[in-house]
Amino acid sequence: MPIDTRTLLPVLGCAVAAVLVAVLPQWLDLFTLLSLTIYLVMALLALSLAFIWGFGGILCFGQAAFFGLGAYAYAIGVLNIGDSTWPVLLAIAVPALVAAAMGYFMFYGGISDVYLGVITLAVTLLLFNVMNSTSGAEYHIGSALLGGFNGIPAIPTLNVPFNPDRVLEPETLFQVIGGALILCYLGLRGLLASRFGKVVVAIRENEQRAGLLGYDTRLHKLIVFSLGGGIAGLAGCLFANWGAFVSPGVFGLAQSAQIIIWVIVGGRGTLFGPILACIGIQALMARLGEQQQVDSGFVLGLILLAFVMLLPRGLLPTLSSGVSRVFQRRPQPLPTQERAL
């Protein structure tokens, strides 16, 4: 019986990831653990764009905007409330609502393709400039000073729900972030396997045909865009927890470009591929940052060019196809006389 690697590889990956998330904090030093923590945070961000672009067919340059909104929403909320429980929900809701508002005007306004990408990029740059200009003492929301370019420091980290006195240690925070990544991945896989997910993929392949079949293509795209914004906001919230700091740099152009590169390298049309690509590229960039002979940005550009020109489907789809061909290779047919016997 042929092995369906499209299902097998992600399931095995999730099982291995769950075990590693549980046991790694016991084995690693604090510096390595913190490095892995930020890799997982960014992998969650990559997952959000993999869903929007890879399955919804919506090329969004604005994931950094939702990421930054989530980080700032959490920081402002927790500095005013003290307990991290409600600010986490706020960090998911604010970007999701902003994405819903943007999506409504774009999708119901007939904006698509490259124009949609330009609009989302413009919103990201607008937020970057707005937050940069909030450096005075008069720029505050409640007790949270926005800080302009200097950002918001000393952000309280996650605590046990409704118990602000019990703050999570770095080891537990790593497990929470890893668990959030796995749950979001499994949730999106389940959604894509549903009737809704099949309609979303049909819209990606041929939006006009899906519309003629009676599906509300604009509503489906709006839901996908909003969900992706909420997941990116959760990643921003976890980023603020990891560093206890957030600045307008989260809205930067480089951040937006990196997210797209992770999805291209990992493979559009997959959820697991961009996660692997994100973690691998971040580890490589950190390694390159330890030396001065080779510029990490130059290497990142070479990686992008190599995949666009040589492996346009991305890493995981290419590997999956190769493994499938190996397992599905049929035995050579017997000669006619032997088969008759």
C-alpha atoms as a PDB file:
ATOM      1  CA  MET A   1       0.000   0.000   0.000  1.00  0.00           C
ATOM      2  CA  PRO A   2       1.508   3.399  -0.969  1.00  0.00           C
ATOM      3  CA  ILE A   3       2.550   5.634   1.903  1.00  0.00           C
ATOM      4  CA  ASP A   4       0.997   9.110   1.872  1.00  0.00           C
ATOM      5  CA  THR A   5       3.985  11.202   2.891  1.00  0.00           C
ATOM      6  CA  ARG A   6       1.867  14.357   2.845  1.00  0.00           C
ATOM      7  CA  THR A   7       0.132  13.031   5.956  1.00  0.00           C
ATOM      8  CA  LEU A   8       2.890  10.894   7.450  1.00  0.00           C
ATOM      9  CA  LEU A   9       5.642  13.501   7.591  1.00  0.00           C
ATOM     10  CA  PRO A  10       3.631  16.221   9.396  1.00  0.00           C
ATOM     11  CA  VAL A  11       2.208  13.732  11.906  1.00  0.00           C
ATOM     12  CA  LEU A  12       5.651  12.351  12.698  1.00  0.00           C
ATOM     13  CA  GLY A  13       6.979  15.892  12.880  1.00  0.00           C
ATOM     14  CA  CYS A  14       4.330  16.927  15.408  1.00  0.00           C
ATOM     15  CA  ALA A  15       4.990  13.858  17.546  1.00  0.00           C
ATOM     16  CA  VAL A  16       8.730  14.493  17.569  1.00  0.00           C
ATOM     17  CA  ALA A  17       8.185  18.218  18.199  1.00  0.00           C
ATOM     18  CA  ALA A  18       5.914  17.548  21.183  1.00  0.00           C
ATOM     19  CA  VAL A  19       8.517  15.267  22.762  1.00  0.00           C
ATOM     20  CA  LEU A  20      11.308  17.773  22.157  1.00  0.00           C
ATOM     21  CA  VAL A  21       9.283  20.660  23.573  1.00  0.00           C
ATOM     22  CA  ALA A  22       8.679  18.621  26.720  1.00  0.00           C
ATOM     23  CA  VAL A  23      12.249  17.420  27.326  1.00  0.00           C
ATOM     24  CA  LEU A  24      14.604  20.028  25.832  1.00  0.00           C
ATOM     25  CA  PRO A  25      14.324  22.501  28.749  1.00  0.00           C
ATOM     26  CA  GLN A  26      15.855  19.827  30.984  1.00  0.00           C
ATOM     27  CA  TRP A  27      18.909  19.418  28.759  1.00  0.00           C
ATOM     28  CA  LEU A  28      19.771  22.864  27.389  1.00  0.00           C
ATOM     29  CA  ASP A  29      21.520  25.831  28.936  1.00  0.00           C
ATOM     30  CA  LEU A  30      19.563  29.061  29.299  1.00  0.00           C
ATOM     31  CA  PHE A  31      21.120  30.845  26.296  1.00  0.00           C
ATOM     32  CA  THR A  32      20.383  27.984  23.902  1.00  0.00           C
ATOM     33  CA  LEU A  33      16.877  27.615  25.291  1.00  0.00           C
ATOM     34  CA  LEU A  34      16.137  31.310  24.765  1.00  0.00           C
ATOM     35  CA  SER A  35      17.472  31.080  21.206  1.00  0.00           C
ATOM     36  CA  LEU A  36      15.190  28.145  20.448  1.00  0.00           C
ATOM     37  CA  THR A  37      12.282  30.010  22.025  1.00  0.00           C
ATOM     38  CA  ILE A  38      12.536  32.912  19.586  1.00  0.00           C
ATOM     39  CA  TYR A  39      12.874  30.442  16.706  1.00  0.00           C
ATOM     40  CA  LEU A  40       9.523  28.927  17.685  1.00  0.00           C
ATOM     41  CA  VAL A  41       7.919  32.361  18.011  1.00  0.00           C
ATOM     42  CA  MET A  42       8.984  33.262  14.486  1.00  0.00           C
ATOM     43  CA  ALA A  43       7.897  29.838  13.241  1.00  0.00           C
ATOM     44  CA  LEU A  44       4.394  30.684  14.453  1.00  0.00           C
ATOM     45  CA  LEU A  45       4.604  33.904  12.448  1.00  0.00           C
ATOM     46  CA  ALA A  46       5.718  31.934   9.378  1.00  0.00           C
ATOM     47  CA  LEU A  47       2.781  29.575   9.902  1.00  0.00           C
ATOM     48  CA  SER A  48       0.347  32.493   9.731  1.00  0.00           C
ATOM     49  CA  LEU A  49       1.596  33.570   6.298  1.00  0.00           C
ATOM     50  CA  ALA A  50       1.804  29.961   5.101  1.00  0.00           C
ATOM     51  CA  PHE A  51      -1.926  29.740   5.784  1.00  0.00           C
ATOM     52  CA  ILE A  52      -2.849  33.088   4.208  1.00  0.00           C
ATOM     53  CA  TRP A  53      -0.629  32.895   1.138  1.00  0.00           C
ATOM     54  CA  GLY A  54      -0.052  29.195   0.648  1.00  0.00           C
ATOM     55  CA  PHE A  55      -3.684  28.114   0.989  1.00  0.00           C
ATOM     56  CA  GLY A  56      -5.710  31.308   0.693  1.00  0.00           C
ATOM     57  CA  GLY A  57      -3.681  32.587  -2.242  1.00  0.00           C
ATOM     58  CA  ILE A  58      -3.411  36.021  -0.593  1.00  0.00           C
ATOM     59  CA  LEU A  59       0.083  37.499  -0.955  1.00  0.00           C
ATOM     60  CA  CYS A  60       0.320  39.630   2.175  1.00  0.00           C
ATOM     61  CA  PHE A  61       3.297  41.873   2.913  1.00  0.00           C
ATOM     62  CA  GLY A  62       1.606  42.960   6.128  1.00  0.00           C
ATOM     63  CA  GLN A  63       2.182  40.033   8.480  1.00  0.00           C
ATOM     64  CA  ALA A  64       4.718  42.190  10.294  1.00  0.00           C
ATOM     65  CA  ALA A  65       1.912  44.703  10.931  1.00  0.00           C
ATOM     66  CA  PHE A  66      -0.249  42.091  12.659  1.00  0.00           C
ATOM     67  CA  PHE A  67       2.806  40.765  14.492  1.00  0.00           C
ATOM     68  CA  GLY A  68       3.661  44.236  15.777  1.00  0.00           C
ATOM     69  CA  LEU A  69       0.069  45.032  16.709  1.00  0.00           C
ATOM     70  CA  GLY A  70      -0.054  41.856  18.776  1.00  0.00           C
ATOM     71  CA  ALA A  71       3.184  42.749  20.545  1.00  0.00           C
ATOM     72  CA  TYR A  72       2.068  46.303  21.337  1.00  0.00           C
ATOM     73  CA  ALA A  73      -1.451  45.230  22.337  1.00  0.00           C
ATOM     74  CA  TYR A  74      -0.031  42.750  24.832  1.00  0.00           C
ATOM     75  CA  ALA A  75       2.519  45.231  26.196  1.00  0.00           C
ATOM     76  CA  ILE A  76      -0.044  47.999  26.683  1.00  0.00           C
ATOM     77  CA  GLY A  77      -2.607  45.628  28.149  1.00  0.00           C
ATOM     78  CA  VAL A  78      -0.326  43.914  30.641  1.00  0.00           C
ATOM     79  CA  LEU A  79       1.229  47.191  31.820  1.00  0.00           C
ATOM     80  CA  ASN A  80      -2.243  48.510  32.600  1.00  0.00           C
ATOM     81  CA  ILE A  81      -3.867  45.361  33.955  1.00  0.00           C
ATOM     82  CA  GLY A  82      -0.951  43.541  35.573  1.00  0.00           C
ATOM     83  CA  ASP A  83      -2.332  40.082  34.818  1.00  0.00           C
ATOM     84  CA  SER A  84      -1.289  38.648  31.430  1.00  0.00           C
ATOM     85  CA  THR A  85      -4.447  36.587  30.843  1.00  0.00           C
ATOM     86  CA  TRP A  86      -6.631  39.221  29.177  1.00  0.00           C
ATOM     87  CA  PRO A  87      -3.753  40.966  27.357  1.00  0.00           C
ATOM     88  CA  VAL A  88      -2.963  37.691  25.553  1.00  0.00           C
ATOM     89  CA  LEU A  89      -6.523  37.564  24.245  1.00  0.00           C
ATOM     90  CA  LEU A  90      -6.278  41.258  23.365  1.00  0.00           C
ATOM     91  CA  ALA A  91      -3.088  40.583  21.405  1.00  0.00           C
ATOM     92  CA  ILE A  92      -4.964  38.050  19.289  1.00  0.00           C
ATOM     93  CA  ALA A  93      -8.188  40.038  18.918  1.00  0.00           C
ATOM     94  CA  VAL A  94      -6.705  43.410  17.891  1.00  0.00           C
ATOM     95  CA  PRO A  95      -4.709  42.147  14.867  1.00  0.00           C
ATOM     96  CA  ALA A  96      -7.566  39.843  13.865  1.00  0.00           C
ATOM     97  CA  LEU A  97     -10.023  42.756  13.888  1.00  0.00           C
ATOM     98  CA  VAL A  98      -7.610  45.015  12.003  1.00  0.00           C
ATOM     99  CA  ALA A  99      -7.107  42.243   9.442  1.00  0.00           C
ATOM    100  CA  ALA A 100     -10.883  41.835   9.179  1.00  0.00           C
ATOM    101  CA  ALA A 101     -11.335  45.571   8.577  1.00  0.00           C
ATOM    102  CA  MET A 102      -8.564  45.654   5.971  1.00  0.00           C
ATOM    103  CA  GLY A 103      -9.831  42.484   4.338  1.00  0.00           C
ATOM    104  CA  TYR A 104     -13.382  43.782   4.120  1.00  0.00           C
ATOM    105  CA  PHE A 105     -12.350  46.854   2.144  1.00  0.00           C
ATOM    106  CA  MET A 106      -9.856  44.941  -0.009  1.00  0.00           C
ATOM    107  CA  PHE A 107     -11.849  41.822  -0.863  1.00  0.00           C
ATOM    108  CA  TYR A 108     -15.267  43.425  -1.097  1.00  0.00           C
ATOM    109  CA  GLY A 109     -13.674  46.327  -2.958  1.00  0.00           C
ATOM    110  CA  GLY A 110     -12.323  44.001  -5.620  1.00  0.00           C
ATOM    111  CA  ILE A 111      -8.654  44.570  -4.757  1.00  0.00           C
ATOM    112  CA  SER A 112      -6.415  41.569  -5.327  1.00  0.00           C
ATOM    113  CA  ASP A 113      -3.035  40.312  -6.494  1.00  0.00           C
ATOM    114  CA  VAL A 114      -0.202  42.840  -6.487  1.00  0.00           C
ATOM    115  CA  TYR A 115      -2.390  45.738  -5.332  1.00  0.00           C
ATOM    116  CA  LEU A 116      -3.334  43.822  -2.205  1.00  0.00           C
ATOM    117  CA  GLY A 117       0.347  43.260  -1.458  1.00  0.00           C
ATOM    118  CA  VAL A 118       1.097  46.958  -1.915  1.00  0.00           C
ATOM    119  CA  ILE A 119      -1.729  47.987   0.435  1.00  0.00           C
ATOM    120  CA  THR A 120      -0.644  45.596   3.192  1.00  0.00           C
ATOM    121  CA  LEU A 121       2.947  46.780   2.843  1.00  0.00           C
ATOM    122  CA  ALA A 122       1.813  50.416   3.025  1.00  0.00           C
ATOM    123  CA  VAL A 123      -0.109  49.715   6.243  1.00  0.00           C
ATOM    124  CA  THR A 124       2.998  48.117   7.756  1.00  0.00           C
ATOM    125  CA  LEU A 125       5.185  51.106   6.900  1.00  0.00           C
ATOM    126  CA  LEU A 126       2.487  53.481   8.172  1.00  0.00           C
ATOM    127  CA  LEU A 127       2.421  51.733  11.554  1.00  0.00           C
ATOM    128  CA  PHE A 128       6.226  51.818  11.676  1.00  0.00           C
ATOM    129  CA  ASN A 129       6.292  55.593  11.172  1.00  0.00           C
ATOM    130  CA  VAL A 130       3.384  56.250  13.536  1.00  0.00           C
ATOM    131  CA  MET A 131       4.965  54.293  16.392  1.00  0.00           C
ATOM    132  CA  ASN A 132       8.332  55.936  15.734  1.00  0.00           C
ATOM    133  CA  SER A 133       6.762  59.349  16.317  1.00  0.00           C
ATOM    134  CA  THR A 134       5.380  58.557  19.792  1.00  0.00           C
ATOM    135  CA  SER A 135       8.485  59.416  21.793  1.00  0.00           C
ATOM    136  CA  GLY A 136       7.046  62.162  24.018  1.00  0.00           C
ATOM    137  CA  ALA A 137       5.640  61.703  27.506  1.00  0.00           C
ATOM    138  CA  GLU A 138       2.234  62.701  26.167  1.00  0.00           C
ATOM    139  CA  TYR A 139       2.095  59.521  24.087  1.00  0.00           C
ATOM    140  CA  HIS A 140       0.757  56.928  26.461  1.00  0.00           C
ATOM    141  CA  ILE A 141      -2.197  54.591  26.825  1.00  0.00           C
ATOM    142  CA  GLY A 142      -3.081  54.398  30.479  1.00  0.00           C
ATOM    143  CA  SER A 143       0.134  53.751  32.367  1.00  0.00           C
ATOM    144  CA  ALA A 144       1.991  52.431  29.301  1.00  0.00           C
ATOM    145  CA  LEU A 145       4.347  54.936  27.666  1.00  0.00           C
ATOM    146  CA  LEU A 146       4.699  54.138  23.960  1.00  0.00           C
ATOM    147  CA  GLY A 147       8.318  55.300  23.905  1.00  0.00           C
ATOM    148  CA  GLY A 148       8.679  56.078  20.210  1.00  0.00           C
ATOM    149  CA  PHE A 149      11.784  54.549  18.648  1.00  0.00           C
ATOM    150  CA  ASN A 150      12.976  53.400  22.078  1.00  0.00           C
ATOM    151  CA  GLY A 151       9.918  51.187  22.434  1.00  0.00           C
ATOM    152  CA  ILE A 152       8.320  49.800  25.573  1.00  0.00           C
ATOM    153  CA  PRO A 153      10.750  48.140  28.020  1.00  0.00           C
ATOM    154  CA  ALA A 154      10.227  45.977  31.106  1.00  0.00           C
ATOM    155  CA  ILE A 155       7.117  44.209  29.822  1.00  0.00           C
ATOM    156  CA  PRO A 156       5.806  41.685  32.375  1.00  0.00           C
ATOM    157  CA  THR A 157       5.953  38.153  31.038  1.00  0.00           C
ATOM    158  CA  LEU A 158       3.245  35.495  31.042  1.00  0.00           C
ATOM    159  CA  ASN A 159       1.858  34.356  34.348  1.00  0.00           C
ATOM    160  CA  VAL A 160      -0.421  31.513  35.391  1.00  0.00           C
ATOM    161  CA  PRO A 161      -3.931  32.535  34.231  1.00  0.00           C
ATOM    162  CA  PHE A 162      -5.505  35.029  36.651  1.00  0.00           C
ATOM    163  CA  ASN A 163      -2.549  34.673  39.047  1.00  0.00           C
ATOM    164  CA  PRO A 164      -0.037  37.465  38.299  1.00  0.00           C
ATOM    165  CA  ASP A 165       2.158  36.443  41.226  1.00  0.00           C
ATOM    166  CA  ARG A 166       3.157  33.198  39.487  1.00  0.00           C
ATOM    167  CA  VAL A 167       5.257  34.274  36.493  1.00  0.00           C
ATOM    168  CA  LEU A 168       6.371  31.582  34.052  1.00  0.00           C
ATOM    169  CA  GLU A 169      10.043  30.631  34.084  1.00  0.00           C
ATOM    170  CA  PRO A 170      11.957  30.528  30.756  1.00  0.00           C
ATOM    171  CA  GLU A 171      11.682  26.728  30.666  1.00  0.00           C
ATOM    172  CA  THR A 172       7.913  26.822  31.053  1.00  0.00           C
ATOM    173  CA  LEU A 173       7.610  29.711  28.590  1.00  0.00           C
ATOM    174  CA  PHE A 174       9.457  27.619  26.001  1.00  0.00           C
ATOM    175  CA  GLN A 175       6.985  24.781  26.504  1.00  0.00           C
ATOM    176  CA  VAL A 176       3.999  27.131  26.285  1.00  0.00           C
ATOM    177  CA  ILE A 177       5.263  28.651  23.030  1.00  0.00           C
ATOM    178  CA  GLY A 178       6.085  25.241  21.577  1.00  0.00           C
ATOM    179  CA  GLY A 179       2.650  23.975  22.563  1.00  0.00           C
ATOM    180  CA  ALA A 180       0.989  27.022  20.987  1.00  0.00           C
ATOM    181  CA  LEU A 181       2.844  26.390  17.726  1.00  0.00           C
ATOM    182  CA  ILE A 182       1.834  22.723  17.632  1.00  0.00           C
ATOM    183  CA  LEU A 183      -1.801  23.476  18.489  1.00  0.00           C
ATOM    184  CA  CYS A 184      -2.064  26.224  15.857  1.00  0.00           C
ATOM    185  CA  TYR A 185      -0.535  23.917  13.275  1.00  0.00           C
ATOM    186  CA  LEU A 186      -2.914  21.074  14.089  1.00  0.00           C
ATOM    187  CA  GLY A 187      -5.874  23.464  14.197  1.00  0.00           C
ATOM    188  CA  LEU A 188      -5.086  24.836  10.743  1.00  0.00           C
ATOM    189  CA  ARG A 189      -4.597  21.333   9.338  1.00  0.00           C
ATOM    190  CA  GLY A 190      -7.986  20.348  10.700  1.00  0.00           C
ATOM    191  CA  LEU A 191      -9.568  23.475   9.249  1.00  0.00           C
ATOM    192  CA  LEU A 192      -8.020  22.858   5.837  1.00  0.00           C
ATOM    193  CA  ALA A 193      -9.261  19.259   5.876  1.00  0.00           C
ATOM    194  CA  SER A 194     -12.810  20.483   6.455  1.00  0.00           C
ATOM    195  CA  ARG A 195     -15.317  21.608   3.837  1.00  0.00           C
ATOM    196  CA  PHE A 196     -14.316  25.203   4.515  1.00  0.00           C
ATOM    197  CA  GLY A 197     -10.670  24.405   3.820  1.00  0.00           C
ATOM    198  CA  LYS A 198     -11.474  22.644   0.572  1.00  0.00           C
ATOM    199  CA  VAL A 199     -13.432  25.688  -0.580  1.00  0.00           C
ATOM    200  CA  VAL A 200     -10.508  27.953   0.338  1.00  0.00           C
ATOM    201  CA  VAL A 201      -8.132  25.854  -1.764  1.00  0.00           C
ATOM    202  CA  ALA A 202     -10.649  25.868  -4.624  1.00  0.00           C
ATOM    203  CA  ILE A 203     -10.750  29.665  -4.446  1.00  0.00           C
ATOM    204  CA  ARG A 204      -6.964  29.784  -4.558  1.00  0.00           C
ATOM    205  CA  GLU A 205      -6.914  27.605  -7.667  1.00  0.00           C
ATOM    206  CA  ASN A 206      -9.726  29.359  -9.533  1.00  0.00           C
ATOM    207  CA  GLU A 207     -11.658  32.078  -7.735  1.00  0.00           C
ATOM    208  CA  GLN A 208     -14.040  32.735 -10.617  1.00  0.00           C
ATOM    209  CA  ARG A 209     -15.048  29.080 -10.891  1.00  0.00           C
ATOM    210  CA  ALA A 210     -15.582  28.818  -7.120  1.00  0.00           C
ATOM    211  CA  GLY A 211     -17.811  31.882  -7.280  1.00  0.00           C
ATOM    212  CA  LEU A 212     -19.840  30.411 -10.131  1.00  0.00           C
ATOM    213  CA  LEU A 213     -20.396  27.299  -8.005  1.00  0.00           C
ATOM    214  CA  GLY A 214     -22.134  29.486  -5.443  1.00  0.00           C
ATOM    215  CA  TYR A 215     -19.409  30.008  -2.838  1.00  0.00           C
ATOM    216  CA  ASP A 216     -18.901  33.436  -1.295  1.00  0.00           C
ATOM    217  CA  THR A 217     -15.247  33.819  -2.222  1.00  0.00           C
ATOM    218  CA  ARG A 218     -14.879  37.204  -0.550  1.00  0.00           C
ATOM    219  CA  LEU A 219     -16.166  35.934   2.791  1.00  0.00           C
ATOM    220  CA  HIS A 220     -13.885  32.891   2.725  1.00  0.00           C
ATOM    221  CA  LYS A 221     -10.853  35.051   1.960  1.00  0.00           C
ATOM    222  CA  LEU A 222     -11.850  37.483   4.696  1.00  0.00           C
ATOM    223  CA  ILE A 223     -12.007  34.669   7.269  1.00  0.00           C
ATOM    224  CA  VAL A 224      -8.621  33.297   6.171  1.00  0.00           C
ATOM    225  CA  PHE A 225      -7.053  36.758   6.322  1.00  0.00           C
ATOM    226  CA  SER A 226      -8.486  37.442   9.784  1.00  0.00           C
ATOM    227  CA  LEU A 227      -7.356  34.079  11.174  1.00  0.00           C
ATOM    228  CA  GLY A 228      -3.867  34.647   9.814  1.00  0.00           C
ATOM    229  CA  GLY A 229      -3.809  38.090  11.412  1.00  0.00           C
ATOM    230  CA  GLY A 230      -4.837  36.638  14.774  1.00  0.00           C
ATOM    231  CA  ILE A 231      -2.111  33.974  14.659  1.00  0.00           C
ATOM    232  CA  ALA A 232       0.476  36.607  13.738  1.00  0.00           C
ATOM    233  CA  GLY A 233      -0.769  38.690  16.682  1.00  0.00           C
ATOM    234  CA  LEU A 234      -0.280  35.719  19.006  1.00  0.00           C
ATOM    235  CA  ALA A 235       3.278  35.411  17.706  1.00  0.00           C
ATOM    236  CA  GLY A 236       3.809  39.115  18.448  1.00  0.00           C
ATOM    237  CA  CYS A 237       2.487  38.646  21.972  1.00  0.00           C
ATOM    238  CA  LEU A 238       4.897  35.763  22.569  1.00  0.00           C
ATOM    239  CA  PHE A 239       7.739  37.829  21.096  1.00  0.00           C
ATOM    240  CA  ALA A 240       7.054  40.590  23.622  1.00  0.00           C
ATOM    241  CA  ASN A 241       7.139  37.949  26.349  1.00  0.00           C
ATOM    242  CA  TRP A 242      10.414  36.513  25.101  1.00  0.00           C
ATOM    243  CA  GLY A 243      12.300  39.806  25.108  1.00  0.00           C
ATOM    244  CA  ALA A 244      10.203  41.766  27.648  1.00  0.00           C
ATOM    245  CA  PHE A 245      10.539  44.610  25.134  1.00  0.00           C
ATOM    246  CA  VAL A 246       8.878  45.842  21.955  1.00  0.00           C
ATOM    247  CA  SER A 247       9.836  48.662  19.576  1.00  0.00           C
ATOM    248  CA  PRO A 248       8.707  49.941  16.151  1.00  0.00           C
ATOM    249  CA  GLY A 249      11.305  47.629  14.630  1.00  0.00           C
ATOM    250  CA  VAL A 250       8.690  44.869  14.700  1.00  0.00           C
ATOM    251  CA  PHE A 251       6.967  46.719  11.831  1.00  0.00           C
ATOM    252  CA  GLY A 252      10.189  46.896   9.802  1.00  0.00           C
ATOM    253  CA  LEU A 253      10.442  46.150   6.091  1.00  0.00           C
ATOM    254  CA  ALA A 254      13.148  43.536   6.707  1.00  0.00           C
ATOM    255  CA  GLN A 255      10.779  41.670   8.995  1.00  0.00           C
ATOM    256  CA  SER A 256       8.099  41.547   6.292  1.00  0.00           C
ATOM    257  CA  ALA A 257      10.591  40.298   3.705  1.00  0.00           C
ATOM    258  CA  GLN A 258      11.933  37.544   5.951  1.00  0.00           C
ATOM    259  CA  ILE A 259       8.488  36.077   6.542  1.00  0.00           C
ATOM    260  CA  ILE A 260       7.900  35.766   2.802  1.00  0.00           C
ATOM    261  CA  ILE A 261      11.323  34.138   2.337  1.00  0.00           C
ATOM    262  CA  TRP A 262      10.515  31.521   4.994  1.00  0.00           C
ATOM    263  CA  VAL A 263       7.346  30.544   3.141  1.00  0.00           C
ATOM    264  CA  ILE A 264       9.037  30.452  -0.269  1.00  0.00           C
ATOM    265  CA  VAL A 265      11.892  28.282   1.001  1.00  0.00           C
ATOM    266  CA  GLY A 266       9.649  25.967   3.023  1.00  0.00           C
ATOM    267  CA  GLY A 267       7.119  25.616   0.246  1.00  0.00           C
ATOM    268  CA  ARG A 268       3.822  27.296  -0.499  1.00  0.00           C
ATOM    269  CA  GLY A 269       0.863  25.013  -0.073  1.00  0.00           C
ATOM    270  CA  THR A 270       2.330  23.419   3.060  1.00  0.00           C
ATOM    271  CA  LEU A 271       2.156  24.413   6.709  1.00  0.00           C
ATOM    272  CA  PHE A 272       5.055  22.331   7.994  1.00  0.00           C
ATOM    273  CA  GLY A 273       7.564  23.479   5.367  1.00  0.00           C
ATOM    274  CA  PRO A 274       7.646  27.179   6.337  1.00  0.00           C
ATOM    275  CA  ILE A 275       8.020  26.197  10.005  1.00  0.00           C
ATOM    276  CA  LEU A 276      11.104  24.113   9.202  1.00  0.00           C
ATOM    277  CA  ALA A 277      12.482  26.781   6.870  1.00  0.00           C
ATOM    278  CA  CYS A 278      11.989  29.504   9.471  1.00  0.00           C
ATOM    279  CA  ILE A 279      13.793  27.585  12.213  1.00  0.00           C
ATOM    280  CA  GLY A 280      16.605  26.500   9.897  1.00  0.00           C
ATOM    281  CA  ILE A 281      17.179  29.947   8.384  1.00  0.00           C
ATOM    282  CA  GLN A 282      17.138  31.646  11.781  1.00  0.00           C
ATOM    283  CA  ALA A 283      19.694  29.166  13.120  1.00  0.00           C
ATOM    284  CA  LEU A 284      21.866  29.762  10.055  1.00  0.00           C
ATOM    285  CA  MET A 285      21.600  33.553  10.378  1.00  0.00           C
ATOM    286  CA  ALA A 286      22.550  33.346  14.065  1.00  0.00           C
ATOM    287  CA  ARG A 287      25.563  31.230  13.163  1.00  0.00           C
ATOM    288  CA  LEU A 288      26.634  33.642  10.436  1.00  0.00           C
ATOM    289  CA  GLY A 289      26.237  36.520  12.880  1.00  0.00           C
ATOM    290  CA  GLU A 290      29.062  35.076  14.971  1.00  0.00           C
ATOM    291  CA  GLN A 291      31.617  35.819  12.232  1.00  0.00           C
ATOM    292  CA  GLN A 292      32.449  38.834  10.070  1.00  0.00           C
ATOM    293  CA  GLN A 293      33.697  37.272   6.835  1.00  0.00           C
ATOM    294  CA  VAL A 294      30.298  36.635   5.221  1.00  0.00           C
ATOM    295  CA  ASP A 295      27.297  38.947   5.417  1.00  0.00           C
ATOM    296  CA  SER A 296      24.177  37.108   6.588  1.00  0.00           C
ATOM    297  CA  GLY A 297      21.908  39.232   4.389  1.00  0.00           C
ATOM    298  CA  PHE A 298      23.932  38.244   1.326  1.00  0.00           C
ATOM    299  CA  VAL A 299      23.555  34.561   2.202  1.00  0.00           C
ATOM    300  CA  LEU A 300      19.810  35.007   2.749  1.00  0.00           C
ATOM    301  CA  GLY A 301      19.521  36.566  -0.700  1.00  0.00           C
ATOM    302  CA  LEU A 302      21.422  33.662  -2.253  1.00  0.00           C
ATOM    303  CA  ILE A 303      19.106  31.186  -0.531  1.00  0.00           C
ATOM    304  CA  LEU A 304      16.061  32.989  -1.915  1.00  0.00           C
ATOM    305  CA  LEU A 305      17.472  33.076  -5.456  1.00  0.00           C
ATOM    306  CA  ALA A 306      18.447  29.408  -5.306  1.00  0.00           C
ATOM    307  CA  PHE A 307      14.979  28.305  -4.289  1.00  0.00           C
ATOM    308  CA  VAL A 308      13.146  30.582  -6.719  1.00  0.00           C
ATOM    309  CA  MET A 309      15.276  29.399  -9.654  1.00  0.00           C
ATOM    310  CA  LEU A 310      16.071  25.771  -8.765  1.00  0.00           C
ATOM    311  CA  LEU A 311      13.386  24.626  -6.318  1.00  0.00           C
ATOM    312  CA  PRO A 312      10.373  26.868  -6.980  1.00  0.00           C
ATOM    313  CA  ARG A 313       8.028  24.464  -5.166  1.00  0.00           C
ATOM    314  CA  GLY A 314      10.017  24.839  -1.958  1.00  0.00           C
ATOM    315  CA  LEU A 315      11.892  22.417   0.267  1.00  0.00           C
ATOM    316  CA  LEU A 316       9.153  20.251   1.771  1.00  0.00           C
ATOM    317  CA  PRO A 317       7.093  19.649  -1.409  1.00  0.00           C
ATOM    318  CA  THR A 318      10.281  18.684  -3.267  1.00  0.00           C
ATOM    319  CA  LEU A 319      11.382  16.266  -0.545  1.00  0.00           C
ATOM    320  CA  SER A 320       7.873  14.865  -0.201  1.00  0.00           C
ATOM    321  CA  SER A 321       7.647  14.176  -3.937  1.00  0.00           C
ATOM    322  CA  GLY A 322      11.016  12.433  -3.899  1.00  0.00           C
ATOM    323  CA  VAL A 323      10.088  10.197  -0.973  1.00  0.00           C
ATOM    324  CA  SER A 324       6.712   9.386  -2.543  1.00  0.00           C
ATOM    325  CA  ARG A 325       8.379   8.284  -5.774  1.00  0.00           C
ATOM    326  CA  VAL A 326      10.643   5.934  -3.831  1.00  0.00           C
ATOM    327  CA  PHE A 327       7.814   4.273  -1.877  1.00  0.00           C
ATOM    328  CA  GLN A 328       5.374   4.158  -4.762  1.00  0.00           C
ATOM    329  CA  ARG A 329       7.804   2.620  -7.234  1.00  0.00           C
ATOM    330  CA  ARG A 330       6.069  -0.396  -8.685  1.00  0.00           C
ATOM    331  CA  PRO A 331       7.840  -3.728  -9.245  1.00  0.00           C
ATOM    332  CA  GLN A 332       8.760  -4.594 -12.818  1.00  0.00           C
ATOM    333  CA  PRO A 333       6.040  -6.692 -14.538  1.00  0.00           C
ATOM    334  CA  LEU A 334       6.842 -10.349 -15.088  1.00  0.00           C
ATOM    335  CA  PRO A 335       7.247 -11.717 -18.613  1.00  0.00           C
ATOM    336  CA  THR A 336       4.032 -12.910 -20.267  1.00  0.00           C
ATOM    337  CA  GLN A 337       4.729 -16.637 -19.832  1.00  0.00           C
ATOM    338  CA  GLU A 338       5.594 -16.272 -16.140  1.00  0.00           C
ATOM    339  CA  ARG A 339       2.485 -14.225 -15.482  1.00  0.00           C
ATOM    340  CA  ALA A 340       0.379 -16.885 -17.135  1.00  0.00           C
ATOM    341  CA  LEU A 341       1.783 -19.459 -14.757  1.00  0.00           C
END
